[in-house]
Amino acid sequence: MGLSDNIYNILYKAGFVFVGGLAGSMIATHHHHNNLKMLKNDLDVLHPPAVEFGGDGKKKVEVSKDPHVLEILKYGNPGPVSDSLVHKAYVGAYDRRLRHPAWTAEHLTAASLRAPPSEPPADRTKSQFNEDESLPISFRARLADYFKSGYDRGHMVPAADAKFSQEAMDETFLLSNIAPQVGDGFNRHYWAYLEDWCRRLTGSFADVYVFTVPLYLPRQGSDGKWRVTHEVIGNPPNVSVPTHFAKVVLASKPASPSTPETVEVSTGAFVVPNAIIPDEAPMQSFMMPVEAVEHAAGILLFSKAVKAAAKNICTTTKCELVIRRFDDAQKNGKPKPRRTQSSPN
């Protein structure tokens, strides 16, 4: 049984339900920052009692105004609070318990992936990893947590998705956008190829929405029981190491040139283990239903209407990774791109 078969069995043991969610209102507009504002509003709907945004843009904890609730929680609301992450290139929610994002979301277009003509492109070498000082210090991931941990500081929203400004790229290096990832064979390779595939979708679709979700999936032991086991890095232990990661995409384009107001939507969800993955592994072998990711993460992504109308993205574009081994190329010269073999549609 291969990696993808194991993931499939894990995700399907409990069964799934169809649930409403974020993206139903997202595909109506084609303006990058407007979509980020809409995502922020949807986030507030998902977590109404926890986080509100003041007029100054700062977050504040808001307890229900119900007198009964106020009486019981007069000395404090224990939460859990999902800190909202609102940045130029992405929005998301931060998990205080795990010390990494619960999920991130971004809206990619061909224009958003490059700097405006009047501005210089962002330079990755000018960005550096930083702790997110907007988070309470007791719940932050720390730079020291990753030191000699054996894991890469893996971007949930890639720096390459935020080339339109230096500030936007710098924000992707906040540790609130980072989770521990296996380096060689995953973060620097297969995961990077999957990120590149998401960007290349902008060549075929007008709008591409990308959700990245760290996951903790159970494994069945020799006694037949299912358990979730994961490492925690830092000294003292502070940041949890996800067992898997999901990339969920929703891509849209006009159904035809004559009917630009009618939008054709395609979706796809890919769940990959936080482990070394051979370059040759077809990305479709990791494809899962969107509902599987929702169920495993406890989040709502797309409405029933969107799911019913959406096409399988691997039928509307090529689910094919471009392999670029940049680390090997540094030793042997310019990298030679090659493609994984696509599974038949």
C-alpha atoms as a PDB file:
ATOM      1  CA  MET A   1       0.000   0.000   0.000  1.00  0.00           C
ATOM      2  CA  GLY A   2       1.435   3.385  -1.026  1.00  0.00           C
ATOM      3  CA  LEU A   3       1.508   6.703   0.823  1.00  0.00           C
ATOM      4  CA  SER A   4      -1.612   7.984  -0.906  1.00  0.00           C
ATOM      5  CA  ASP A   5      -3.557   4.774  -0.126  1.00  0.00           C
ATOM      6  CA  ASN A   6      -2.741   5.176   3.561  1.00  0.00           C
ATOM      7  CA  ILE A   7      -3.894   8.794   3.531  1.00  0.00           C
ATOM      8  CA  TYR A   8      -7.117   7.784   1.777  1.00  0.00           C
ATOM      9  CA  ASN A   9      -7.884   5.113   4.378  1.00  0.00           C
ATOM     10  CA  ILE A  10      -7.099   7.469   7.260  1.00  0.00           C
ATOM     11  CA  LEU A  11      -9.365  10.222   5.943  1.00  0.00           C
ATOM     12  CA  TYR A  12     -12.255   7.908   5.129  1.00  0.00           C
ATOM     13  CA  LYS A  13     -12.520   5.799   8.281  1.00  0.00           C
ATOM     14  CA  ALA A  14     -14.959   8.109  10.006  1.00  0.00           C
ATOM     15  CA  GLY A  15     -17.057   9.185   6.976  1.00  0.00           C
ATOM     16  CA  PHE A  16     -17.786  12.743   5.868  1.00  0.00           C
ATOM     17  CA  VAL A  17     -20.590  15.269   5.683  1.00  0.00           C
ATOM     18  CA  PHE A  18     -21.184  18.145   3.314  1.00  0.00           C
ATOM     19  CA  VAL A  19     -20.873  21.496   5.016  1.00  0.00           C
ATOM     20  CA  GLY A  20     -21.183  25.133   3.965  1.00  0.00           C
ATOM     21  CA  GLY A  21     -18.203  27.427   4.121  1.00  0.00           C
ATOM     22  CA  LEU A  22     -15.996  30.259   3.044  1.00  0.00           C
ATOM     23  CA  ALA A  23     -15.745  30.330  -0.680  1.00  0.00           C
ATOM     24  CA  GLY A  24     -19.327  30.788  -1.815  1.00  0.00           C
ATOM     25  CA  SER A  25     -18.962  34.550  -1.720  1.00  0.00           C
ATOM     26  CA  MET A  26     -15.344  34.646  -2.880  1.00  0.00           C
ATOM     27  CA  ILE A  27     -15.674  34.016  -6.595  1.00  0.00           C
ATOM     28  CA  ALA A  28     -17.852  37.012  -7.393  1.00  0.00           C
ATOM     29  CA  THR A  29     -15.066  39.604  -7.462  1.00  0.00           C
ATOM     30  CA  HIS A  30     -11.769  39.725  -9.286  1.00  0.00           C
ATOM     31  CA  HIS A  31     -10.011  42.369  -7.193  1.00  0.00           C
ATOM     32  CA  HIS A  32      -7.129  40.959  -5.170  1.00  0.00           C
ATOM     33  CA  HIS A  33      -7.378  43.021  -2.001  1.00  0.00           C
ATOM     34  CA  ASN A  34     -11.182  43.023  -2.036  1.00  0.00           C
ATOM     35  CA  ASN A  35     -11.060  39.245  -1.901  1.00  0.00           C
ATOM     36  CA  LEU A  36      -8.712  39.349   1.074  1.00  0.00           C
ATOM     37  CA  LYS A  37     -11.187  41.652   2.849  1.00  0.00           C
ATOM     38  CA  MET A  38     -13.990  39.213   2.062  1.00  0.00           C
ATOM     39  CA  LEU A  39     -11.950  36.350   3.474  1.00  0.00           C
ATOM     40  CA  LYS A  40     -11.372  38.387   6.643  1.00  0.00           C
ATOM     41  CA  ASN A  41     -15.116  38.973   6.942  1.00  0.00           C
ATOM     42  CA  ASP A  42     -15.791  35.272   6.450  1.00  0.00           C
ATOM     43  CA  LEU A  43     -13.242  34.511   9.148  1.00  0.00           C
ATOM     44  CA  ASP A  44     -15.134  36.789  11.537  1.00  0.00           C
ATOM     45  CA  VAL A  45     -18.330  34.889  10.744  1.00  0.00           C
ATOM     46  CA  LEU A  46     -16.647  31.566  11.510  1.00  0.00           C
ATOM     47  CA  HIS A  47     -15.360  32.855  14.876  1.00  0.00           C
ATOM     48  CA  PRO A  48     -17.931  35.492  15.974  1.00  0.00           C
ATOM     49  CA  PRO A  49     -17.359  35.431  19.740  1.00  0.00           C
ATOM     50  CA  ALA A  50     -13.567  35.310  19.608  1.00  0.00           C
ATOM     51  CA  VAL A  51     -11.933  38.014  17.493  1.00  0.00           C
ATOM     52  CA  GLU A  52     -13.150  41.338  16.165  1.00  0.00           C
ATOM     53  CA  PHE A  53     -11.255  44.001  14.217  1.00  0.00           C
ATOM     54  CA  GLY A  54     -11.330  47.520  15.598  1.00  0.00           C
ATOM     55  CA  GLY A  55     -11.308  50.649  13.504  1.00  0.00           C
ATOM     56  CA  ASP A  56      -7.570  50.946  13.994  1.00  0.00           C
ATOM     57  CA  GLY A  57      -7.030  47.499  12.503  1.00  0.00           C
ATOM     58  CA  LYS A  58      -6.028  45.997  15.837  1.00  0.00           C
ATOM     59  CA  LYS A  59      -7.512  42.778  17.162  1.00  0.00           C
ATOM     60  CA  LYS A  60      -9.511  42.664  20.354  1.00  0.00           C
ATOM     61  CA  VAL A  61     -11.126  39.783  22.187  1.00  0.00           C
ATOM     62  CA  GLU A  62     -14.873  40.230  22.375  1.00  0.00           C
ATOM     63  CA  VAL A  63     -16.982  38.134  24.759  1.00  0.00           C
ATOM     64  CA  SER A  64     -20.677  37.630  24.035  1.00  0.00           C
ATOM     65  CA  LYS A  65     -22.889  40.391  25.409  1.00  0.00           C
ATOM     66  CA  ASP A  66     -25.372  37.829  26.743  1.00  0.00           C
ATOM     67  CA  PRO A  67     -25.735  38.649  30.488  1.00  0.00           C
ATOM     68  CA  HIS A  68     -25.623  34.967  31.419  1.00  0.00           C
ATOM     69  CA  VAL A  69     -22.348  34.508  29.532  1.00  0.00           C
ATOM     70  CA  LEU A  70     -20.909  37.736  30.965  1.00  0.00           C
ATOM     71  CA  GLU A  71     -21.689  36.594  34.475  1.00  0.00           C
ATOM     72  CA  ILE A  72     -20.029  33.201  34.090  1.00  0.00           C
ATOM     73  CA  LEU A  73     -17.005  34.619  32.245  1.00  0.00           C
ATOM     74  CA  LYS A  74     -16.716  37.819  34.290  1.00  0.00           C
ATOM     75  CA  TYR A  75     -13.089  37.019  35.137  1.00  0.00           C
ATOM     76  CA  GLY A  76     -12.038  36.003  31.647  1.00  0.00           C
ATOM     77  CA  ASN A  77     -12.918  34.034  28.522  1.00  0.00           C
ATOM     78  CA  PRO A  78     -10.684  30.957  28.148  1.00  0.00           C
ATOM     79  CA  GLY A  79     -11.260  30.738  24.385  1.00  0.00           C
ATOM     80  CA  PRO A  80      -9.971  28.987  22.390  1.00  0.00           C
ATOM     81  CA  VAL A  81      -9.001  32.093  20.448  1.00  0.00           C
ATOM     82  CA  SER A  82      -8.014  31.654  16.814  1.00  0.00           C
ATOM     83  CA  ASP A  83      -5.857  34.681  16.088  1.00  0.00           C
ATOM     84  CA  SER A  84      -6.703  36.237  12.725  1.00  0.00           C
ATOM     85  CA  LEU A  85      -3.775  36.755  10.373  1.00  0.00           C
ATOM     86  CA  VAL A  86      -4.433  39.583   7.905  1.00  0.00           C
ATOM     87  CA  HIS A  87      -1.555  40.526   5.624  1.00  0.00           C
ATOM     88  CA  LYS A  88      -1.051  41.980   2.167  1.00  0.00           C
ATOM     89  CA  ALA A  89      -0.745  38.624   0.390  1.00  0.00           C
ATOM     90  CA  TYR A  90      -2.808  36.353   2.614  1.00  0.00           C
ATOM     91  CA  VAL A  91      -5.164  35.874   5.520  1.00  0.00           C
ATOM     92  CA  GLY A  92      -5.371  32.987   7.925  1.00  0.00           C
ATOM     93  CA  ALA A  93      -5.935  31.772  11.454  1.00  0.00           C
ATOM     94  CA  TYR A  94      -3.225  30.985  13.996  1.00  0.00           C
ATOM     95  CA  ASP A  95      -3.535  28.017  16.353  1.00  0.00           C
ATOM     96  CA  ARG A  96      -2.206  29.034  19.760  1.00  0.00           C
ATOM     97  CA  ARG A  97      -2.020  25.453  20.995  1.00  0.00           C
ATOM     98  CA  LEU A  98      -0.026  24.075  18.082  1.00  0.00           C
ATOM     99  CA  ARG A  99       1.976  27.310  17.512  1.00  0.00           C
ATOM    100  CA  HIS A 100       1.482  27.354  13.756  1.00  0.00           C
ATOM    101  CA  PRO A 101      -1.312  28.372  11.341  1.00  0.00           C
ATOM    102  CA  ALA A 102      -4.592  26.503  11.508  1.00  0.00           C
ATOM    103  CA  TRP A 103      -4.968  27.477   7.857  1.00  0.00           C
ATOM    104  CA  THR A 104      -3.944  30.172   5.405  1.00  0.00           C
ATOM    105  CA  ALA A 105      -5.736  31.497   2.339  1.00  0.00           C
ATOM    106  CA  GLU A 106      -4.554  33.537  -0.616  1.00  0.00           C
ATOM    107  CA  HIS A 107      -5.890  34.844  -3.926  1.00  0.00           C
ATOM    108  CA  LEU A 108      -3.496  34.522  -6.840  1.00  0.00           C
ATOM    109  CA  THR A 109      -3.748  36.178 -10.233  1.00  0.00           C
ATOM    110  CA  ALA A 110      -1.207  36.636 -12.991  1.00  0.00           C
ATOM    111  CA  ALA A 111      -0.891  40.276 -11.905  1.00  0.00           C
ATOM    112  CA  SER A 112      -0.483  39.538  -8.195  1.00  0.00           C
ATOM    113  CA  LEU A 113       2.529  37.309  -8.850  1.00  0.00           C
ATOM    114  CA  ARG A 114       4.636  40.187 -10.137  1.00  0.00           C
ATOM    115  CA  ALA A 115       5.481  43.674  -8.975  1.00  0.00           C
ATOM    116  CA  PRO A 116       3.645  46.679 -10.447  1.00  0.00           C
ATOM    117  CA  PRO A 117       5.548  48.249 -13.383  1.00  0.00           C
ATOM    118  CA  SER A 118       6.506  51.227 -11.233  1.00  0.00           C
ATOM    119  CA  GLU A 119       7.869  49.125  -8.370  1.00  0.00           C
ATOM    120  CA  PRO A 120      10.931  46.865  -8.069  1.00  0.00           C
ATOM    121  CA  PRO A 121      10.145  43.175  -7.433  1.00  0.00           C
ATOM    122  CA  ALA A 122      10.511  41.904  -3.903  1.00  0.00           C
ATOM    123  CA  ASP A 123      13.884  40.366  -3.080  1.00  0.00           C
ATOM    124  CA  ARG A 124      13.783  37.187  -0.995  1.00  0.00           C
ATOM    125  CA  THR A 125      17.347  37.747   0.218  1.00  0.00           C
ATOM    126  CA  LYS A 126      16.130  40.873   2.009  1.00  0.00           C
ATOM    127  CA  SER A 127      13.533  38.934   4.004  1.00  0.00           C
ATOM    128  CA  GLN A 128      14.285  37.136   7.240  1.00  0.00           C
ATOM    129  CA  PHE A 129      12.339  34.948   9.635  1.00  0.00           C
ATOM    130  CA  ASN A 130      10.804  36.795  12.566  1.00  0.00           C
ATOM    131  CA  GLU A 131       8.571  35.974  15.494  1.00  0.00           C
ATOM    132  CA  ASP A 132       5.087  37.447  15.146  1.00  0.00           C
ATOM    133  CA  GLU A 133       4.974  40.132  17.826  1.00  0.00           C
ATOM    134  CA  SER A 134       1.237  40.649  17.300  1.00  0.00           C
ATOM    135  CA  LEU A 135       0.650  37.348  19.109  1.00  0.00           C
ATOM    136  CA  PRO A 136       0.743  36.938  22.886  1.00  0.00           C
ATOM    137  CA  ILE A 137       4.301  36.009  23.821  1.00  0.00           C
ATOM    138  CA  SER A 138       3.220  32.882  25.687  1.00  0.00           C
ATOM    139  CA  PHE A 139       1.595  31.468  22.527  1.00  0.00           C
ATOM    140  CA  ARG A 140       4.187  32.443  19.917  1.00  0.00           C
ATOM    141  CA  ALA A 141       6.425  30.169  17.926  1.00  0.00           C
ATOM    142  CA  ARG A 142       9.997  31.230  18.622  1.00  0.00           C
ATOM    143  CA  LEU A 143      13.044  31.295  16.386  1.00  0.00           C
ATOM    144  CA  ALA A 144      14.853  29.171  18.971  1.00  0.00           C
ATOM    145  CA  ASP A 145      12.206  26.433  18.610  1.00  0.00           C
ATOM    146  CA  TYR A 146      13.437  25.635  15.113  1.00  0.00           C
ATOM    147  CA  PHE A 147      17.161  25.854  15.906  1.00  0.00           C
ATOM    148  CA  LYS A 148      18.744  22.412  15.396  1.00  0.00           C
ATOM    149  CA  SER A 149      15.253  20.870  15.354  1.00  0.00           C
ATOM    150  CA  GLY A 150      15.922  18.855  12.210  1.00  0.00           C
ATOM    151  CA  TYR A 151      12.992  20.563  10.457  1.00  0.00           C
ATOM    152  CA  ASP A 152      12.766  23.382   7.939  1.00  0.00           C
ATOM    153  CA  ARG A 153      10.762  26.499   8.667  1.00  0.00           C
ATOM    154  CA  GLY A 154       8.129  25.679   6.068  1.00  0.00           C
ATOM    155  CA  HIS A 155       6.065  28.496   4.560  1.00  0.00           C
ATOM    156  CA  MET A 156       2.318  27.913   4.406  1.00  0.00           C
ATOM    157  CA  VAL A 157       2.022  30.906   2.058  1.00  0.00           C
ATOM    158  CA  PRO A 158       5.167  30.821  -0.104  1.00  0.00           C
ATOM    159  CA  ALA A 159       7.393  33.864  -0.403  1.00  0.00           C
ATOM    160  CA  ALA A 160       7.215  33.482  -4.195  1.00  0.00           C
ATOM    161  CA  ASP A 161       3.465  34.211  -4.018  1.00  0.00           C
ATOM    162  CA  ALA A 162       4.185  37.687  -2.619  1.00  0.00           C
ATOM    163  CA  LYS A 163       6.576  39.233  -5.116  1.00  0.00           C
ATOM    164  CA  PHE A 164       4.390  42.289  -5.649  1.00  0.00           C
ATOM    165  CA  SER A 165       5.954  44.117  -2.696  1.00  0.00           C
ATOM    166  CA  GLN A 166       8.820  43.708  -0.250  1.00  0.00           C
ATOM    167  CA  GLU A 167       6.489  44.212   2.696  1.00  0.00           C
ATOM    168  CA  ALA A 168       4.176  41.454   1.435  1.00  0.00           C
ATOM    169  CA  MET A 169       7.083  39.047   1.048  1.00  0.00           C
ATOM    170  CA  ASP A 170       8.484  39.948   4.465  1.00  0.00           C
ATOM    171  CA  GLU A 171       5.125  39.056   6.032  1.00  0.00           C
ATOM    172  CA  THR A 172       5.381  35.512   4.695  1.00  0.00           C
ATOM    173  CA  PHE A 173       8.496  35.078   6.875  1.00  0.00           C
ATOM    174  CA  LEU A 174       6.603  35.649  10.127  1.00  0.00           C
ATOM    175  CA  LEU A 175       6.633  32.453  12.190  1.00  0.00           C
ATOM    176  CA  SER A 176       2.825  32.663  12.322  1.00  0.00           C
ATOM    177  CA  ASN A 177       2.969  31.590   8.637  1.00  0.00           C
ATOM    178  CA  ILE A 178       5.414  28.763   9.326  1.00  0.00           C
ATOM    179  CA  ALA A 179       5.136  25.106  10.327  1.00  0.00           C
ATOM    180  CA  PRO A 180       7.894  22.500  10.804  1.00  0.00           C
ATOM    181  CA  GLN A 181       8.474  20.540   7.589  1.00  0.00           C
ATOM    182  CA  VAL A 182      10.847  17.795   6.568  1.00  0.00           C
ATOM    183  CA  GLY A 183      13.480  19.571   4.468  1.00  0.00           C
ATOM    184  CA  ASP A 184      15.171  17.377   1.884  1.00  0.00           C
ATOM    185  CA  GLY A 185      12.591  15.516  -0.178  1.00  0.00           C
ATOM    186  CA  PHE A 186       9.664  17.609   0.987  1.00  0.00           C
ATOM    187  CA  ASN A 187       9.857  21.353   1.770  1.00  0.00           C
ATOM    188  CA  ARG A 188      12.744  21.918  -0.644  1.00  0.00           C
ATOM    189  CA  HIS A 189      11.363  19.562  -3.265  1.00  0.00           C
ATOM    190  CA  TYR A 190       7.881  18.011  -3.555  1.00  0.00           C
ATOM    191  CA  TRP A 191       6.138  20.732  -1.526  1.00  0.00           C
ATOM    192  CA  ALA A 192       7.932  23.414  -3.558  1.00  0.00           C
ATOM    193  CA  TYR A 193       6.793  21.746  -6.798  1.00  0.00           C
ATOM    194  CA  LEU A 194       3.192  21.777  -5.531  1.00  0.00           C
ATOM    195  CA  GLU A 195       3.474  25.480  -4.655  1.00  0.00           C
ATOM    196  CA  ASP A 196       4.815  26.166  -8.144  1.00  0.00           C
ATOM    197  CA  TRP A 197       1.891  24.262  -9.686  1.00  0.00           C
ATOM    198  CA  CYS A 198      -0.538  26.516  -7.793  1.00  0.00           C
ATOM    199  CA  ARG A 199       1.166  29.607  -9.222  1.00  0.00           C
ATOM    200  CA  ARG A 200       1.153  28.182 -12.747  1.00  0.00           C
ATOM    201  CA  LEU A 201      -2.635  27.827 -12.537  1.00  0.00           C
ATOM    202  CA  THR A 202      -2.828  31.594 -13.080  1.00  0.00           C
ATOM    203  CA  GLY A 203      -1.839  30.939 -16.689  1.00  0.00           C
ATOM    204  CA  SER A 204      -5.099  29.036 -17.244  1.00  0.00           C
ATOM    205  CA  PHE A 205      -7.497  30.668 -14.766  1.00  0.00           C
ATOM    206  CA  ALA A 206      -8.398  34.276 -14.013  1.00  0.00           C
ATOM    207  CA  ASP A 207      -8.490  33.735 -10.250  1.00  0.00           C
ATOM    208  CA  VAL A 208      -6.872  31.079  -8.095  1.00  0.00           C
ATOM    209  CA  TYR A 209      -7.667  30.682  -4.398  1.00  0.00           C
ATOM    210  CA  VAL A 210      -5.221  28.570  -2.391  1.00  0.00           C
ATOM    211  CA  PHE A 211      -5.848  27.223   1.092  1.00  0.00           C
ATOM    212  CA  THR A 212      -2.979  25.571   2.982  1.00  0.00           C
ATOM    213  CA  VAL A 213      -3.902  23.420   5.974  1.00  0.00           C
ATOM    214  CA  PRO A 214      -1.600  21.587   8.413  1.00  0.00           C
ATOM    215  CA  LEU A 215      -3.128  18.268   9.430  1.00  0.00           C
ATOM    216  CA  TYR A 216      -2.763  15.683  12.184  1.00  0.00           C
ATOM    217  CA  LEU A 217      -3.971  12.332  10.882  1.00  0.00           C
ATOM    218  CA  PRO A 218      -4.211   9.110  12.864  1.00  0.00           C
ATOM    219  CA  ARG A 219      -2.372   5.899  12.117  1.00  0.00           C
ATOM    220  CA  GLN A 220      -3.628   2.425  12.924  1.00  0.00           C
ATOM    221  CA  GLY A 221      -1.476   0.476  15.339  1.00  0.00           C
ATOM    222  CA  SER A 222      -0.824  -3.241  15.466  1.00  0.00           C
ATOM    223  CA  ASP A 223      -3.631  -3.506  18.037  1.00  0.00           C
ATOM    224  CA  GLY A 224      -6.102  -2.143  15.496  1.00  0.00           C
ATOM    225  CA  LYS A 225      -6.592   1.144  17.348  1.00  0.00           C
ATOM    226  CA  TRP A 226      -6.109   4.557  15.727  1.00  0.00           C
ATOM    227  CA  ARG A 227      -3.810   7.138  17.316  1.00  0.00           C
ATOM    228  CA  VAL A 228      -2.430  10.557  16.415  1.00  0.00           C
ATOM    229  CA  THR A 229       1.276  10.767  17.221  1.00  0.00           C
ATOM    230  CA  HIS A 230       3.425  13.767  16.399  1.00  0.00           C
ATOM    231  CA  GLU A 231       6.654  15.428  17.445  1.00  0.00           C
ATOM    232  CA  VAL A 232       6.904  18.750  19.292  1.00  0.00           C
ATOM    233  CA  ILE A 233      10.017  20.876  18.763  1.00  0.00           C
ATOM    234  CA  GLY A 234      11.636  23.510  20.954  1.00  0.00           C
ATOM    235  CA  ASN A 235      13.227  23.521  24.380  1.00  0.00           C
ATOM    236  CA  PRO A 236      10.946  23.407  26.254  1.00  0.00           C
ATOM    237  CA  PRO A 237       8.695  21.718  23.652  1.00  0.00           C
ATOM    238  CA  ASN A 238       6.594  24.402  21.990  1.00  0.00           C
ATOM    239  CA  VAL A 239       5.775  23.914  18.265  1.00  0.00           C
ATOM    240  CA  SER A 240       3.887  20.861  17.011  1.00  0.00           C
ATOM    241  CA  VAL A 241       4.995  19.045  13.846  1.00  0.00           C
ATOM    242  CA  PRO A 242       2.063  18.250  11.510  1.00  0.00           C
ATOM    243  CA  THR A 243       1.850  14.733  10.132  1.00  0.00           C
ATOM    244  CA  HIS A 244       0.429  15.977   6.804  1.00  0.00           C
ATOM    245  CA  PHE A 245      -0.299  19.143   4.850  1.00  0.00           C
ATOM    246  CA  ALA A 246      -3.139  19.935   2.478  1.00  0.00           C
ATOM    247  CA  LYS A 247      -3.223  22.288  -0.502  1.00  0.00           C
ATOM    248  CA  VAL A 248      -6.792  23.036  -1.537  1.00  0.00           C
ATOM    249  CA  VAL A 249      -7.369  25.128  -4.651  1.00  0.00           C
ATOM    250  CA  LEU A 250     -10.391  26.780  -6.197  1.00  0.00           C
ATOM    251  CA  ALA A 251      -9.738  28.203  -9.662  1.00  0.00           C
ATOM    252  CA  SER A 252     -12.211  30.186 -11.731  1.00  0.00           C
ATOM    253  CA  LYS A 253     -12.448  31.628 -15.227  1.00  0.00           C
ATOM    254  CA  PRO A 254     -15.170  32.846 -17.594  1.00  0.00           C
ATOM    255  CA  ALA A 255     -17.089  29.912 -19.050  1.00  0.00           C
ATOM    256  CA  SER A 256     -16.617  31.395 -22.522  1.00  0.00           C
ATOM    257  CA  PRO A 257     -15.482  34.689 -24.118  1.00  0.00           C
ATOM    258  CA  SER A 258     -19.069  35.453 -25.042  1.00  0.00           C
ATOM    259  CA  THR A 259     -20.314  34.993 -21.452  1.00  0.00           C
ATOM    260  CA  PRO A 260     -17.648  36.540 -19.188  1.00  0.00           C
ATOM    261  CA  GLU A 261     -20.216  37.022 -16.432  1.00  0.00           C
ATOM    262  CA  THR A 262     -20.649  33.225 -16.133  1.00  0.00           C
ATOM    263  CA  VAL A 263     -17.851  31.719 -14.064  1.00  0.00           C
ATOM    264  CA  GLU A 264     -16.561  28.169 -14.408  1.00  0.00           C
ATOM    265  CA  VAL A 265     -15.141  26.825 -11.154  1.00  0.00           C
ATOM    266  CA  SER A 266     -12.671  23.982 -10.635  1.00  0.00           C
ATOM    267  CA  THR A 267     -11.505  22.600  -7.282  1.00  0.00           C
ATOM    268  CA  GLY A 268      -8.943  20.148  -6.045  1.00  0.00           C
ATOM    269  CA  ALA A 269      -7.489  19.050  -2.706  1.00  0.00           C
ATOM    270  CA  PHE A 270      -4.112  17.363  -2.264  1.00  0.00           C
ATOM    271  CA  VAL A 271      -3.001  15.831   1.049  1.00  0.00           C
ATOM    272  CA  VAL A 272       0.699  15.001   1.347  1.00  0.00           C
ATOM    273  CA  PRO A 273       2.604  13.464   4.259  1.00  0.00           C
ATOM    274  CA  ASN A 274       5.250  15.517   6.039  1.00  0.00           C
ATOM    275  CA  ALA A 275       7.913  13.118   4.824  1.00  0.00           C
ATOM    276  CA  ILE A 276      10.278  12.470   1.945  1.00  0.00           C
ATOM    277  CA  ILE A 277       8.236  12.040  -1.246  1.00  0.00           C
ATOM    278  CA  PRO A 278       9.864  10.774  -4.458  1.00  0.00           C
ATOM    279  CA  ASP A 279       9.907  13.328  -7.262  1.00  0.00           C
ATOM    280  CA  GLU A 280       8.224  10.787  -9.514  1.00  0.00           C
ATOM    281  CA  ALA A 281       5.100  10.453  -7.335  1.00  0.00           C
ATOM    282  CA  PRO A 282       2.109  11.682  -9.436  1.00  0.00           C
ATOM    283  CA  MET A 283       0.340  14.525  -7.677  1.00  0.00           C
ATOM    284  CA  GLN A 284      -3.035  12.957  -8.464  1.00  0.00           C
ATOM    285  CA  SER A 285      -2.095  10.067  -6.193  1.00  0.00           C
ATOM    286  CA  PHE A 286      -2.483  12.533  -3.303  1.00  0.00           C
ATOM    287  CA  MET A 287      -5.807  13.967  -4.453  1.00  0.00           C
ATOM    288  CA  MET A 288      -8.619  13.794  -1.894  1.00  0.00           C
ATOM    289  CA  PRO A 289     -12.156  15.178  -1.698  1.00  0.00           C
ATOM    290  CA  VAL A 290     -12.369  18.687  -0.267  1.00  0.00           C
ATOM    291  CA  GLU A 291     -14.715  17.259   2.375  1.00  0.00           C
ATOM    292  CA  ALA A 292     -11.911  15.013   3.601  1.00  0.00           C
ATOM    293  CA  VAL A 293      -9.726  18.013   4.410  1.00  0.00           C
ATOM    294  CA  GLU A 294     -12.634  19.851   6.031  1.00  0.00           C
ATOM    295  CA  HIS A 295     -13.419  16.851   8.200  1.00  0.00           C
ATOM    296  CA  ALA A 296      -9.821  16.254   9.253  1.00  0.00           C
ATOM    297  CA  ALA A 297      -9.107  19.929  10.036  1.00  0.00           C
ATOM    298  CA  GLY A 298     -12.478  20.903  11.486  1.00  0.00           C
ATOM    299  CA  ILE A 299     -12.903  23.820   9.078  1.00  0.00           C
ATOM    300  CA  LEU A 300     -15.390  24.825   6.392  1.00  0.00           C
ATOM    301  CA  LEU A 301     -13.996  25.742   2.985  1.00  0.00           C
ATOM    302  CA  PHE A 302     -16.625  25.736   0.244  1.00  0.00           C
ATOM    303  CA  SER A 303     -20.410  25.826   0.206  1.00  0.00           C
ATOM    304  CA  LYS A 304     -22.531  22.952  -1.052  1.00  0.00           C
ATOM    305  CA  ALA A 305     -23.422  25.018  -4.100  1.00  0.00           C
ATOM    306  CA  VAL A 306     -19.767  25.590  -4.991  1.00  0.00           C
ATOM    307  CA  LYS A 307     -18.928  21.915  -4.523  1.00  0.00           C
ATOM    308  CA  ALA A 308     -21.873  20.831  -6.655  1.00  0.00           C
ATOM    309  CA  ALA A 309     -20.963  23.219  -9.473  1.00  0.00           C
ATOM    310  CA  ALA A 310     -17.196  22.724  -9.390  1.00  0.00           C
ATOM    311  CA  LYS A 311     -15.305  20.521 -11.805  1.00  0.00           C
ATOM    312  CA  ASN A 312     -12.380  18.312 -10.852  1.00  0.00           C
ATOM    313  CA  ILE A 313      -9.390  20.548 -11.496  1.00  0.00           C
ATOM    314  CA  CYS A 314      -7.436  17.674 -12.991  1.00  0.00           C
ATOM    315  CA  THR A 315     -10.012  17.518 -15.800  1.00  0.00           C
ATOM    316  CA  THR A 316      -9.769  21.227 -16.623  1.00  0.00           C
ATOM    317  CA  THR A 317      -5.980  21.585 -16.427  1.00  0.00           C
ATOM    318  CA  LYS A 318      -2.931  19.350 -16.147  1.00  0.00           C
ATOM    319  CA  CYS A 319      -2.202  18.057 -12.668  1.00  0.00           C
ATOM    320  CA  GLU A 320       1.479  17.793 -13.470  1.00  0.00           C
ATOM    321  CA  LEU A 321       4.426  18.982 -11.416  1.00  0.00           C
ATOM    322  CA  VAL A 322       7.509  20.597 -12.867  1.00  0.00           C
ATOM    323  CA  ILE A 323      10.580  19.163 -11.145  1.00  0.00           C
ATOM    324  CA  ARG A 324      13.406  21.619 -10.519  1.00  0.00           C
ATOM    325  CA  ARG A 325      16.173  20.437  -8.221  1.00  0.00           C
ATOM    326  CA  PHE A 326      17.697  23.818  -7.440  1.00  0.00           C
ATOM    327  CA  ASP A 327      19.898  22.455  -4.674  1.00  0.00           C
ATOM    328  CA  ASP A 328      21.484  19.918  -7.049  1.00  0.00           C
ATOM    329  CA  ALA A 329      21.776  22.616  -9.690  1.00  0.00           C
ATOM    330  CA  GLN A 330      23.971  24.710  -7.432  1.00  0.00           C
ATOM    331  CA  LYS A 331      26.527  21.917  -7.664  1.00  0.00           C
ATOM    332  CA  ASN A 332      26.008  20.882 -11.272  1.00  0.00           C
ATOM    333  CA  GLY A 333      24.963  24.043 -13.112  1.00  0.00           C
ATOM    334  CA  LYS A 334      21.599  25.303 -14.356  1.00  0.00           C
ATOM    335  CA  PRO A 335      18.602  23.145 -13.344  1.00  0.00           C
ATOM    336  CA  LYS A 336      16.869  21.143 -16.053  1.00  0.00           C
ATOM    337  CA  PRO A 337      13.086  21.163 -15.531  1.00  0.00           C
ATOM    338  CA  ARG A 338      11.253  17.882 -15.997  1.00  0.00           C
ATOM    339  CA  ARG A 339       7.681  16.876 -15.425  1.00  0.00           C
ATOM    340  CA  THR A 340       6.046  14.152 -13.410  1.00  0.00           C
ATOM    341  CA  GLN A 341       3.877  11.798 -15.390  1.00  0.00           C
ATOM    342  CA  SER A 342       0.223  12.746 -15.139  1.00  0.00           C
ATOM    343  CA  SER A 343      -2.292  10.094 -14.233  1.00  0.00           C
ATOM    344  CA  PRO A 344      -4.945   9.676 -16.909  1.00  0.00           C
ATOM    345  CA  ASN A 345      -8.012  11.838 -16.401  1.00  0.00           C
END
